[in-house]
Amino acid sequence: ATVISREIGSGIVPMDAEERRWREFHGAVLQRL
């Protein structure tokens, strides 16, 4: 497949713990992809 993803790791680190967890989750997925 062609996989298209928004890059969400740049910019201000979210204050909300769940948002930070998702940001790290998404970053780990993008690294592996």
Full PDB file with SEQRES, HELIX, SHEET, SSBOND, CRYST1, ORIGX, SCALE, CONECT and MASTER records, all heavy atoms in Angstrom:
SEQRES   1 A   33  ALA THR VAL ILE SER ARG GLU ILE GLY SER GLY ILE VAL          
SEQRES   2 A   33  PRO MET ASP ALA GLU GLU ARG ARG TRP ARG GLU PHE HIS          
SEQRES   3 A   33  GLY ALA VAL LEU GLN ARG LEU                                  
HELIX    1 AA1 ALA A   17  ARG A   32  1                                  16    
CRYST1    1.000    1.000    1.000  90.00  90.00  90.00 P 1           1          
ORIGX1      1.000000  0.000000  0.000000        0.00000                         
ORIGX2      0.000000  1.000000  0.000000        0.00000                         
ORIGX3      0.000000  0.000000  1.000000        0.00000                         
SCALE1      1.000000  0.000000  0.000000        0.00000                         
SCALE2      0.000000  1.000000  0.000000        0.00000                         
SCALE3      0.000000  0.000000  1.000000        0.00000                         
ATOM      1  N   ALA A   1       0.825  -1.209   0.000  1.00  0.00           N  
ATOM      2  CA  ALA A   1       0.000   0.000   0.000  1.00  0.00           C  
ATOM      3  C   ALA A   1       0.859   1.259   0.000  1.00  0.00           C  
ATOM      4  O   ALA A   1       2.046   1.228   0.315  1.00  0.00           O  
ATOM      5  CB  ALA A   1      -0.911   0.012   1.226  1.00  0.00           C  
ATOM      6  N   THR A   2       0.217   2.362  -0.342  1.00  0.00           N  
ATOM      7  CA  THR A   2       0.770   3.683  -0.113  1.00  0.00           C  
ATOM      8  C   THR A   2       0.103   4.185   1.166  1.00  0.00           C  
ATOM      9  O   THR A   2      -1.122   4.190   1.270  1.00  0.00           O  
ATOM     10  CB  THR A   2       0.443   4.637  -1.283  1.00  0.00           C  
ATOM     11  OG1 THR A   2       1.068   4.131  -2.467  1.00  0.00           O  
ATOM     12  CG2 THR A   2       0.939   6.041  -1.004  1.00  0.00           C  
ATOM     13  N   VAL A   3       0.907   4.541   2.159  1.00  0.00           N  
ATOM     14  CA  VAL A   3       0.387   4.968   3.459  1.00  0.00           C  
ATOM     15  C   VAL A   3       0.691   6.453   3.630  1.00  0.00           C  
ATOM     16  O   VAL A   3       1.841   6.873   3.517  1.00  0.00           O  
ATOM     17  CB  VAL A   3       1.022   4.149   4.603  1.00  0.00           C  
ATOM     18  CG1 VAL A   3       0.517   4.633   5.953  1.00  0.00           C  
ATOM     19  CG2 VAL A   3       0.751   2.657   4.417  1.00  0.00           C  
ATOM     20  N   ILE A   4      -0.352   7.224   3.887  1.00  0.00           N  
ATOM     21  CA  ILE A   4      -0.216   8.672   4.053  1.00  0.00           C  
ATOM     22  C   ILE A   4      -0.531   9.031   5.499  1.00  0.00           C  
ATOM     23  O   ILE A   4      -1.556   8.632   6.033  1.00  0.00           O  
ATOM     24  CB  ILE A   4      -1.172   9.421   3.100  1.00  0.00           C  
ATOM     25  CG1 ILE A   4      -0.866   9.042   1.651  1.00  0.00           C  
ATOM     26  CG2 ILE A   4      -1.069  10.924   3.315  1.00  0.00           C  
ATOM     27  CD1 ILE A   4      -1.869   9.580   0.661  1.00  0.00           C  
ATOM     28  N   SER A   5       0.381   9.783   6.106  1.00  0.00           N  
ATOM     29  CA  SER A   5       0.191  10.125   7.505  1.00  0.00           C  
ATOM     30  C   SER A   5       0.578  11.566   7.789  1.00  0.00           C  
ATOM     31  O   SER A   5       1.573  12.070   7.273  1.00  0.00           O  
ATOM     32  CB  SER A   5       1.045   9.214   8.391  1.00  0.00           C  
ATOM     33  OG  SER A   5       0.876   9.558   9.741  1.00  0.00           O  
ATOM     34  N   ARG A   6      -0.204  12.172   8.650  1.00  0.00           N  
ATOM     35  CA  ARG A   6       0.141  13.492   9.168  1.00  0.00           C  
ATOM     36  C   ARG A   6       1.294  13.310  10.150  1.00  0.00           C  
ATOM     37  O   ARG A   6       1.308  12.379  10.946  1.00  0.00           O  
ATOM     38  CB  ARG A   6      -1.053  14.102   9.881  1.00  0.00           C  
ATOM     39  CG  ARG A   6      -0.836  15.540  10.296  1.00  0.00           C  
ATOM     40  CD  ARG A   6      -2.050  16.114  10.957  1.00  0.00           C  
ATOM     41  NE  ARG A   6      -3.199  16.036  10.055  1.00  0.00           N  
ATOM     42  CZ  ARG A   6      -4.464  16.138  10.471  1.00  0.00           C  
ATOM     43  NH1 ARG A   6      -4.729  16.314  11.730  1.00  0.00           N  
ATOM     44  NH2 ARG A   6      -5.446  16.065   9.608  1.00  0.00           N  
ATOM     45  N   GLU A   7       2.258  14.188  10.094  1.00  0.00           N  
ATOM     46  CA  GLU A   7       3.366  14.175  11.027  1.00  0.00           C  
ATOM     47  C   GLU A   7       2.933  15.007  12.224  1.00  0.00           C  
ATOM     48  O   GLU A   7       2.621  16.184  12.083  1.00  0.00           O  
ATOM     49  CB  GLU A   7       4.612  14.757  10.366  1.00  0.00           C  
ATOM     50  CG  GLU A   7       5.917  14.372  11.019  1.00  0.00           C  
ATOM     51  CD  GLU A   7       6.104  14.926  12.404  1.00  0.00           C  
ATOM     52  OE1 GLU A   7       5.945  16.141  12.584  1.00  0.00           O  
ATOM     53  OE2 GLU A   7       6.368  14.147  13.331  1.00  0.00           O  
ATOM     54  N   ILE A   8       2.852  14.397  13.391  1.00  0.00           N  
ATOM     55  CA  ILE A   8       2.327  15.099  14.566  1.00  0.00           C  
ATOM     56  C   ILE A   8       3.385  15.338  15.636  1.00  0.00           C  
ATOM     57  O   ILE A   8       3.083  15.883  16.677  1.00  0.00           O  
ATOM     58  CB  ILE A   8       1.136  14.329  15.191  1.00  0.00           C  
ATOM     59  CG1 ILE A   8       1.567  12.946  15.667  1.00  0.00           C  
ATOM     60  CG2 ILE A   8      -0.012  14.235  14.202  1.00  0.00           C  
ATOM     61  CD1 ILE A   8       0.595  12.288  16.590  1.00  0.00           C  
ATOM     62  N   GLY A   9       4.626  14.928  15.386  1.00  0.00           N  
ATOM     63  CA  GLY A   9       5.656  15.003  16.411  1.00  0.00           C  
ATOM     64  C   GLY A   9       6.374  16.333  16.503  1.00  0.00           C  
ATOM     65  O   GLY A   9       7.123  16.566  17.439  1.00  0.00           O  
ATOM     66  N   SER A  10       6.184  17.194  15.545  1.00  0.00           N  
ATOM     67  CA  SER A  10       6.855  18.499  15.580  1.00  0.00           C  
ATOM     68  C   SER A  10       5.985  19.487  16.347  1.00  0.00           C  
ATOM     69  O   SER A  10       4.776  19.338  16.415  1.00  0.00           O  
ATOM     70  CB  SER A  10       7.069  19.012  14.159  1.00  0.00           C  
ATOM     71  OG  SER A  10       7.865  18.115  13.436  1.00  0.00           O  
ATOM     72  N   GLY A  11       6.611  20.457  16.903  1.00  0.00           N  
ATOM     73  CA  GLY A  11       5.836  21.496  17.585  1.00  0.00           C  
ATOM     74  C   GLY A  11       5.805  21.316  19.083  1.00  0.00           C  
ATOM     75  O   GLY A  11       6.626  20.638  19.683  1.00  0.00           O  
ATOM     76  N   ILE A  12       4.810  21.909  19.690  1.00  0.00           N  
ATOM     77  CA  ILE A  12       4.679  21.930  21.136  1.00  0.00           C  
ATOM     78  C   ILE A  12       4.258  20.564  21.650  1.00  0.00           C  
ATOM     79  O   ILE A  12       3.347  19.942  21.115  1.00  0.00           O  
ATOM     80  CB  ILE A  12       3.645  23.008  21.553  1.00  0.00           C  
ATOM     81  CG1 ILE A  12       4.136  24.383  21.091  1.00  0.00           C  
ATOM     82  CG2 ILE A  12       3.405  22.992  23.063  1.00  0.00           C  
ATOM     83  CD1 ILE A  12       3.122  25.479  21.242  1.00  0.00           C  
ATOM     84  N   VAL A  13       4.923  20.115  22.701  1.00  0.00           N  
ATOM     85  CA  VAL A  13       4.564  18.844  23.333  1.00  0.00           C  
ATOM     86  C   VAL A  13       3.273  19.062  24.119  1.00  0.00           C  
ATOM     87  O   VAL A  13       3.174  20.000  24.919  1.00  0.00           O  
ATOM     88  CB  VAL A  13       5.687  18.355  24.277  1.00  0.00           C  
ATOM     89  CG1 VAL A  13       5.280  17.083  25.003  1.00  0.00           C  
ATOM     90  CG2 VAL A  13       6.978  18.145  23.500  1.00  0.00           C  
ATOM     91  N   PRO A  14       2.262  18.207  23.884  1.00  0.00           N  
ATOM     92  CA  PRO A  14       0.980  18.397  24.584  1.00  0.00           C  
ATOM     93  C   PRO A  14       1.118  18.249  26.104  1.00  0.00           C  
ATOM     94  O   PRO A  14       1.899  17.435  26.587  1.00  0.00           O  
ATOM     95  CB  PRO A  14       0.106  17.276  24.029  1.00  0.00           C  
ATOM     96  CG  PRO A  14       0.796  16.760  22.825  1.00  0.00           C  
ATOM     97  CD  PRO A  14       2.235  17.073  22.974  1.00  0.00           C  
ATOM     98  N   MET A  15       0.321  19.028  26.824  1.00  0.00           N  
ATOM     99  CA  MET A  15       0.311  18.920  28.287  1.00  0.00           C  
ATOM    100  C   MET A  15      -0.447  17.681  28.737  1.00  0.00           C  
ATOM    101  O   MET A  15      -0.103  17.080  29.745  1.00  0.00           O  
ATOM    102  CB  MET A  15      -0.320  20.174  28.909  1.00  0.00           C  
ATOM    103  CG  MET A  15       0.552  21.404  28.769  1.00  0.00           C  
ATOM    104  SD  MET A  15      -0.189  22.891  29.485  1.00  0.00           S  
ATOM    105  CE  MET A  15      -0.462  22.420  31.165  1.00  0.00           C  
ATOM    106  N   ASP A  16      -1.473  17.295  27.994  1.00  0.00           N  
ATOM    107  CA  ASP A  16      -2.306  16.150  28.343  1.00  0.00           C  
ATOM    108  C   ASP A  16      -1.527  14.846  28.179  1.00  0.00           C  
ATOM    109  O   ASP A  16      -0.944  14.584  27.119  1.00  0.00           O  
ATOM    110  CB  ASP A  16      -3.553  16.148  27.444  1.00  0.00           C  
ATOM    111  CG  ASP A  16      -4.483  15.007  27.767  1.00  0.00           C  
ATOM    112  OD1 ASP A  16      -5.092  15.030  28.849  1.00  0.00           O  
ATOM    113  OD2 ASP A  16      -4.577  14.083  26.929  1.00  0.00           O  
ATOM    114  N   ALA A  17      -1.527  14.009  29.197  1.00  0.00           N  
ATOM    115  CA  ALA A  17      -0.767  12.753  29.180  1.00  0.00           C  
ATOM    116  C   ALA A  17      -1.215  11.813  28.067  1.00  0.00           C  
ATOM    117  O   ALA A  17      -0.389  11.153  27.428  1.00  0.00           O  
ATOM    118  CB  ALA A  17      -0.880  12.056  30.539  1.00  0.00           C  
ATOM    119  N   GLU A  18      -2.512  11.753  27.813  1.00  0.00           N  
ATOM    120  CA  GLU A  18      -3.015  10.866  26.747  1.00  0.00           C  
ATOM    121  C   GLU A  18      -2.572  11.350  25.368  1.00  0.00           C  
ATOM    122  O   GLU A  18      -2.265  10.543  24.493  1.00  0.00           O  
ATOM    123  CB  GLU A  18      -4.544  10.747  26.811  1.00  0.00           C  
ATOM    124  CG  GLU A  18      -5.027   9.868  27.949  1.00  0.00           C  
ATOM    125  CD  GLU A  18      -4.455   8.453  27.902  1.00  0.00           C  
ATOM    126  OE1 GLU A  18      -4.521   7.810  26.829  1.00  0.00           O  
ATOM    127  OE2 GLU A  18      -3.920   8.001  28.924  1.00  0.00           O  
ATOM    128  N   GLU A  19      -2.552  12.654  25.184  1.00  0.00           N  
ATOM    129  CA  GLU A  19      -2.082  13.208  23.916  1.00  0.00           C  
ATOM    130  C   GLU A  19      -0.594  12.920  23.716  1.00  0.00           C  
ATOM    131  O   GLU A  19      -0.157  12.609  22.609  1.00  0.00           O  
ATOM    132  CB  GLU A  19      -2.347  14.719  23.837  1.00  0.00           C  
ATOM    133  CG  GLU A  19      -3.806  15.078  23.634  1.00  0.00           C  
ATOM    134  CD  GLU A  19      -4.315  14.651  22.272  1.00  0.00           C  
ATOM    135  OE1 GLU A  19      -3.715  14.996  21.236  1.00  0.00           O  
ATOM    136  OE2 GLU A  19      -5.348  13.947  22.233  1.00  0.00           O  
ATOM    137  N   ARG A  20       0.185  13.026  24.790  1.00  0.00           N  
ATOM    138  CA  ARG A  20       1.614  12.694  24.694  1.00  0.00           C  
ATOM    139  C   ARG A  20       1.806  11.219  24.406  1.00  0.00           C  
ATOM    140  O   ARG A  20       2.657  10.849  23.601  1.00  0.00           O  
ATOM    141  CB  ARG A  20       2.348  13.067  25.993  1.00  0.00           C  
ATOM    142  CG  ARG A  20       2.570  14.536  26.173  1.00  0.00           C  
ATOM    143  CD  ARG A  20       3.566  14.829  27.283  1.00  0.00           C  
ATOM    144  NE  ARG A  20       3.278  14.162  28.534  1.00  0.00           N  
ATOM    145  CZ  ARG A  20       2.462  14.616  29.479  1.00  0.00           C  
ATOM    146  NH1 ARG A  20       1.821  15.771  29.291  1.00  0.00           N  
ATOM    147  NH2 ARG A  20       2.278  13.955  30.590  1.00  0.00           N  
ATOM    148  N   ARG A  21       1.006  10.360  25.030  1.00  0.00           N  
ATOM    149  CA  ARG A  21       1.098   8.918  24.796  1.00  0.00           C  
ATOM    150  C   ARG A  21       0.799   8.613  23.334  1.00  0.00           C  
ATOM    151  O   ARG A  21       1.501   7.836  22.696  1.00  0.00           O  
ATOM    152  CB  ARG A  21       0.126   8.172  25.713  1.00  0.00           C  
ATOM    153  CG  ARG A  21       0.185   6.663  25.595  1.00  0.00           C  
ATOM    154  CD  ARG A  21      -0.824   6.018  26.572  1.00  0.00           C  
ATOM    155  NE  ARG A  21      -0.946   4.615  26.570  1.00  0.00           N  
ATOM    156  CZ  ARG A  21      -1.187   3.796  25.554  1.00  0.00           C  
ATOM    157  NH1 ARG A  21      -1.282   4.277  24.353  1.00  0.00           N  
ATOM    158  NH2 ARG A  21      -1.308   2.505  25.689  1.00  0.00           N  
ATOM    159  N   TRP A  22      -0.254   9.221  22.780  1.00  0.00           N  
ATOM    160  CA  TRP A  22      -0.581   9.000  21.367  1.00  0.00           C  
ATOM    161  C   TRP A  22       0.537   9.507  20.458  1.00  0.00           C  
ATOM    162  O   TRP A  22       0.906   8.846  19.495  1.00  0.00           O  
ATOM    163  CB  TRP A  22      -1.908   9.675  21.012  1.00  0.00           C  
ATOM    164  CG  TRP A  22      -2.157   9.715  19.533  1.00  0.00           C  
ATOM    165  CD1 TRP A  22      -2.171   8.649  18.668  1.00  0.00           C  
ATOM    166  CD2 TRP A  22      -2.385  10.863  18.739  1.00  0.00           C  
ATOM    167  NE1 TRP A  22      -2.418   9.074  17.382  1.00  0.00           N  
ATOM    168  CE2 TRP A  22      -2.555  10.447  17.406  1.00  0.00           C  
ATOM    169  CE3 TRP A  22      -2.485  12.221  19.029  1.00  0.00           C  
ATOM    170  CZ2 TRP A  22      -2.803  11.327  16.367  1.00  0.00           C  
ATOM    171  CZ3 TRP A  22      -2.744  13.094  17.992  1.00  0.00           C  
ATOM    172  CH2 TRP A  22      -2.901  12.643  16.679  1.00  0.00           C  
ATOM    173  N   ARG A  23       1.081  10.667  20.777  1.00  0.00           N  
ATOM    174  CA  ARG A  23       2.174  11.230  19.973  1.00  0.00           C  
ATOM    175  C   ARG A  23       3.362  10.271  19.935  1.00  0.00           C  
ATOM    176  O   ARG A  23       3.948  10.025  18.876  1.00  0.00           O  
ATOM    177  CB  ARG A  23       2.575  12.585  20.568  1.00  0.00           C  
ATOM    178  CG  ARG A  23       3.687  13.286  19.877  1.00  0.00           C  
ATOM    179  CD  ARG A  23       3.904  14.616  20.571  1.00  0.00           C  
ATOM    180  NE  ARG A  23       5.224  15.142  20.329  1.00  0.00           N  
ATOM    181  CZ  ARG A  23       5.470  16.410  20.147  1.00  0.00           C  
ATOM    182  NH1 ARG A  23       4.494  17.292  20.176  1.00  0.00           N  
ATOM    183  NH2 ARG A  23       6.688  16.824  19.931  1.00  0.00           N  
ATOM    184  N   GLU A  24       3.701   9.674  21.069  1.00  0.00           N  
ATOM    185  CA  GLU A  24       4.800   8.705  21.129  1.00  0.00           C  
ATOM    186  C   GLU A  24       4.435   7.421  20.382  1.00  0.00           C  
ATOM    187  O   GLU A  24       5.263   6.845  19.669  1.00  0.00           O  
ATOM    188  CB  GLU A  24       5.150   8.401  22.580  1.00  0.00           C  
ATOM    189  CG  GLU A  24       5.789   9.589  23.283  1.00  0.00           C  
ATOM    190  CD  GLU A  24       5.935   9.390  24.779  1.00  0.00           C  
ATOM    191  OE1 GLU A  24       5.791   8.249  25.261  1.00  0.00           O  
ATOM    192  OE2 GLU A  24       6.189  10.389  25.470  1.00  0.00           O  
ATOM    193  N   PHE A  25       3.199   6.970  20.541  1.00  0.00           N  
ATOM    194  CA  PHE A  25       2.687   5.782  19.848  1.00  0.00           C  
ATOM    195  C   PHE A  25       2.796   5.991  18.336  1.00  0.00           C  
ATOM    196  O   PHE A  25       3.337   5.149  17.605  1.00  0.00           O  
ATOM    197  CB  PHE A  25       1.229   5.568  20.274  1.00  0.00           C  
ATOM    198  CG  PHE A  25       0.534   4.375  19.689  1.00  0.00           C  
ATOM    199  CD1 PHE A  25       0.340   3.239  20.446  1.00  0.00           C  
ATOM    200  CD2 PHE A  25       0.037   4.390  18.391  1.00  0.00           C  
ATOM    201  CE1 PHE A  25      -0.332   2.133  19.931  1.00  0.00           C  
ATOM    202  CE2 PHE A  25      -0.630   3.301  17.852  1.00  0.00           C  
ATOM    203  CZ  PHE A  25      -0.805   2.170  18.627  1.00  0.00           C  
ATOM    204  N   HIS A  26       2.275   7.115  17.863  1.00  0.00           N  
ATOM    205  CA  HIS A  26       2.278   7.417  16.433  1.00  0.00           C  
ATOM    206  C   HIS A  26       3.710   7.527  15.910  1.00  0.00           C  
ATOM    207  O   HIS A  26       4.026   7.018  14.829  1.00  0.00           O  
ATOM    208  CB  HIS A  26       1.498   8.710  16.176  1.00  0.00           C  
ATOM    209  CG  HIS A  26       1.315   9.024  14.733  1.00  0.00           C  
ATOM    210  ND1 HIS A  26       0.492   8.286  13.910  1.00  0.00           N  
ATOM    211  CD2 HIS A  26       1.852  10.003  13.956  1.00  0.00           C  
ATOM    212  CE1 HIS A  26       0.517   8.789  12.685  1.00  0.00           C  
ATOM    213  NE2 HIS A  26       1.331   9.830  12.694  1.00  0.00           N  
ATOM    214  N   GLY A  27       4.580   8.159  16.663  1.00  0.00           N  
ATOM    215  CA  GLY A  27       5.987   8.271  16.267  1.00  0.00           C  
ATOM    216  C   GLY A  27       6.657   6.917  16.150  1.00  0.00           C  
ATOM    217  O   GLY A  27       7.417   6.662  15.203  1.00  0.00           O  
ATOM    218  N   ALA A  28       6.379   6.011  17.081  1.00  0.00           N  
ATOM    219  CA  ALA A  28       6.955   4.657  17.027  1.00  0.00           C  
ATOM    220  C   ALA A  28       6.452   3.912  15.796  1.00  0.00           C  
ATOM    221  O   ALA A  28       7.212   3.208  15.119  1.00  0.00           O  
ATOM    222  CB  ALA A  28       6.605   3.885  18.301  1.00  0.00           C  
ATOM    223  N   VAL A  29       5.161   4.075  15.487  1.00  0.00           N  
ATOM    224  CA  VAL A  29       4.587   3.430  14.301  1.00  0.00           C  
ATOM    225  C   VAL A  29       5.258   3.982  13.036  1.00  0.00           C  
ATOM    226  O   VAL A  29       5.663   3.214  12.158  1.00  0.00           O  
ATOM    227  CB  VAL A  29       3.050   3.611  14.254  1.00  0.00           C  
ATOM    228  CG1 VAL A  29       2.484   3.230  12.895  1.00  0.00           C  
ATOM    229  CG2 VAL A  29       2.397   2.788  15.359  1.00  0.00           C  
ATOM    230  N   LEU A  30       5.405   5.298  12.936  1.00  0.00           N  
ATOM    231  CA  LEU A  30       6.021   5.891  11.749  1.00  0.00           C  
ATOM    232  C   LEU A  30       7.469   5.452  11.586  1.00  0.00           C  
ATOM    233  O   LEU A  30       7.928   5.197  10.465  1.00  0.00           O  
ATOM    234  CB  LEU A  30       5.941   7.419  11.797  1.00  0.00           C  
ATOM    235  CG  LEU A  30       4.580   8.029  11.509  1.00  0.00           C  
ATOM    236  CD1 LEU A  30       4.647   9.554  11.604  1.00  0.00           C  
ATOM    237  CD2 LEU A  30       4.062   7.615  10.143  1.00  0.00           C  
ATOM    238  N   GLN A  31       8.195   5.335  12.679  1.00  0.00           N  
ATOM    239  CA  GLN A  31       9.588   4.880  12.587  1.00  0.00           C  
ATOM    240  C   GLN A  31       9.674   3.484  11.998  1.00  0.00           C  
ATOM    241  O   GLN A  31      10.491   3.202  11.118  1.00  0.00           O  
ATOM    242  CB  GLN A  31      10.244   4.889  13.972  1.00  0.00           C  
ATOM    243  CG  GLN A  31      10.522   6.265  14.495  1.00  0.00           C  
ATOM    244  CD  GLN A  31      11.117   6.202  15.878  1.00  0.00           C  
ATOM    245  OE1 GLN A  31      12.089   5.482  16.110  1.00  0.00           O  
ATOM    246  NE2 GLN A  31      10.548   6.967  16.799  1.00  0.00           N  
ATOM    247  N   ARG A  32       8.815   2.594  12.470  1.00  0.00           N  
ATOM    248  CA  ARG A  32       8.816   1.222  11.962  1.00  0.00           C  
ATOM    249  C   ARG A  32       8.366   1.181  10.504  1.00  0.00           C  
ATOM    250  O   ARG A  32       8.942   0.460   9.688  1.00  0.00           O  
ATOM    251  CB  ARG A  32       7.911   0.355  12.834  1.00  0.00           C  
ATOM    252  CG  ARG A  32       7.774  -1.074  12.374  1.00  0.00           C  
ATOM    253  CD  ARG A  32       9.045  -1.903  12.623  1.00  0.00           C  
ATOM    254  NE  ARG A  32       8.871  -3.243  12.148  1.00  0.00           N  
ATOM    255  CZ  ARG A  32       8.263  -4.218  12.813  1.00  0.00           C  
ATOM    256  NH1 ARG A  32       7.793  -3.993  14.034  1.00  0.00           N  
ATOM    257  NH2 ARG A  32       8.145  -5.413  12.290  1.00  0.00           N  
ATOM    258  N   LEU A  33       7.335   1.941  10.163  1.00  0.00           N  
ATOM    259  CA  LEU A  33       6.869   1.977   8.777  1.00  0.00           C  
ATOM    260  C   LEU A  33       7.965   2.512   7.855  1.00  0.00           C  
ATOM    261  O   LEU A  33       8.143   2.006   6.743  1.00  0.00           O  
ATOM    262  CB  LEU A  33       5.604   2.817   8.643  1.00  0.00           C  
ATOM    263  CG  LEU A  33       4.337   2.263   9.302  1.00  0.00           C  
ATOM    264  CD1 LEU A  33       3.161   3.193   9.038  1.00  0.00           C  
ATOM    265  CD2 LEU A  33       4.029   0.859   8.837  1.00  0.00           C  
TER     266      LEU A  33                                                      
MASTER        0    0    0    1    0    0    0    6  265    1    0    3          
END                                                                             
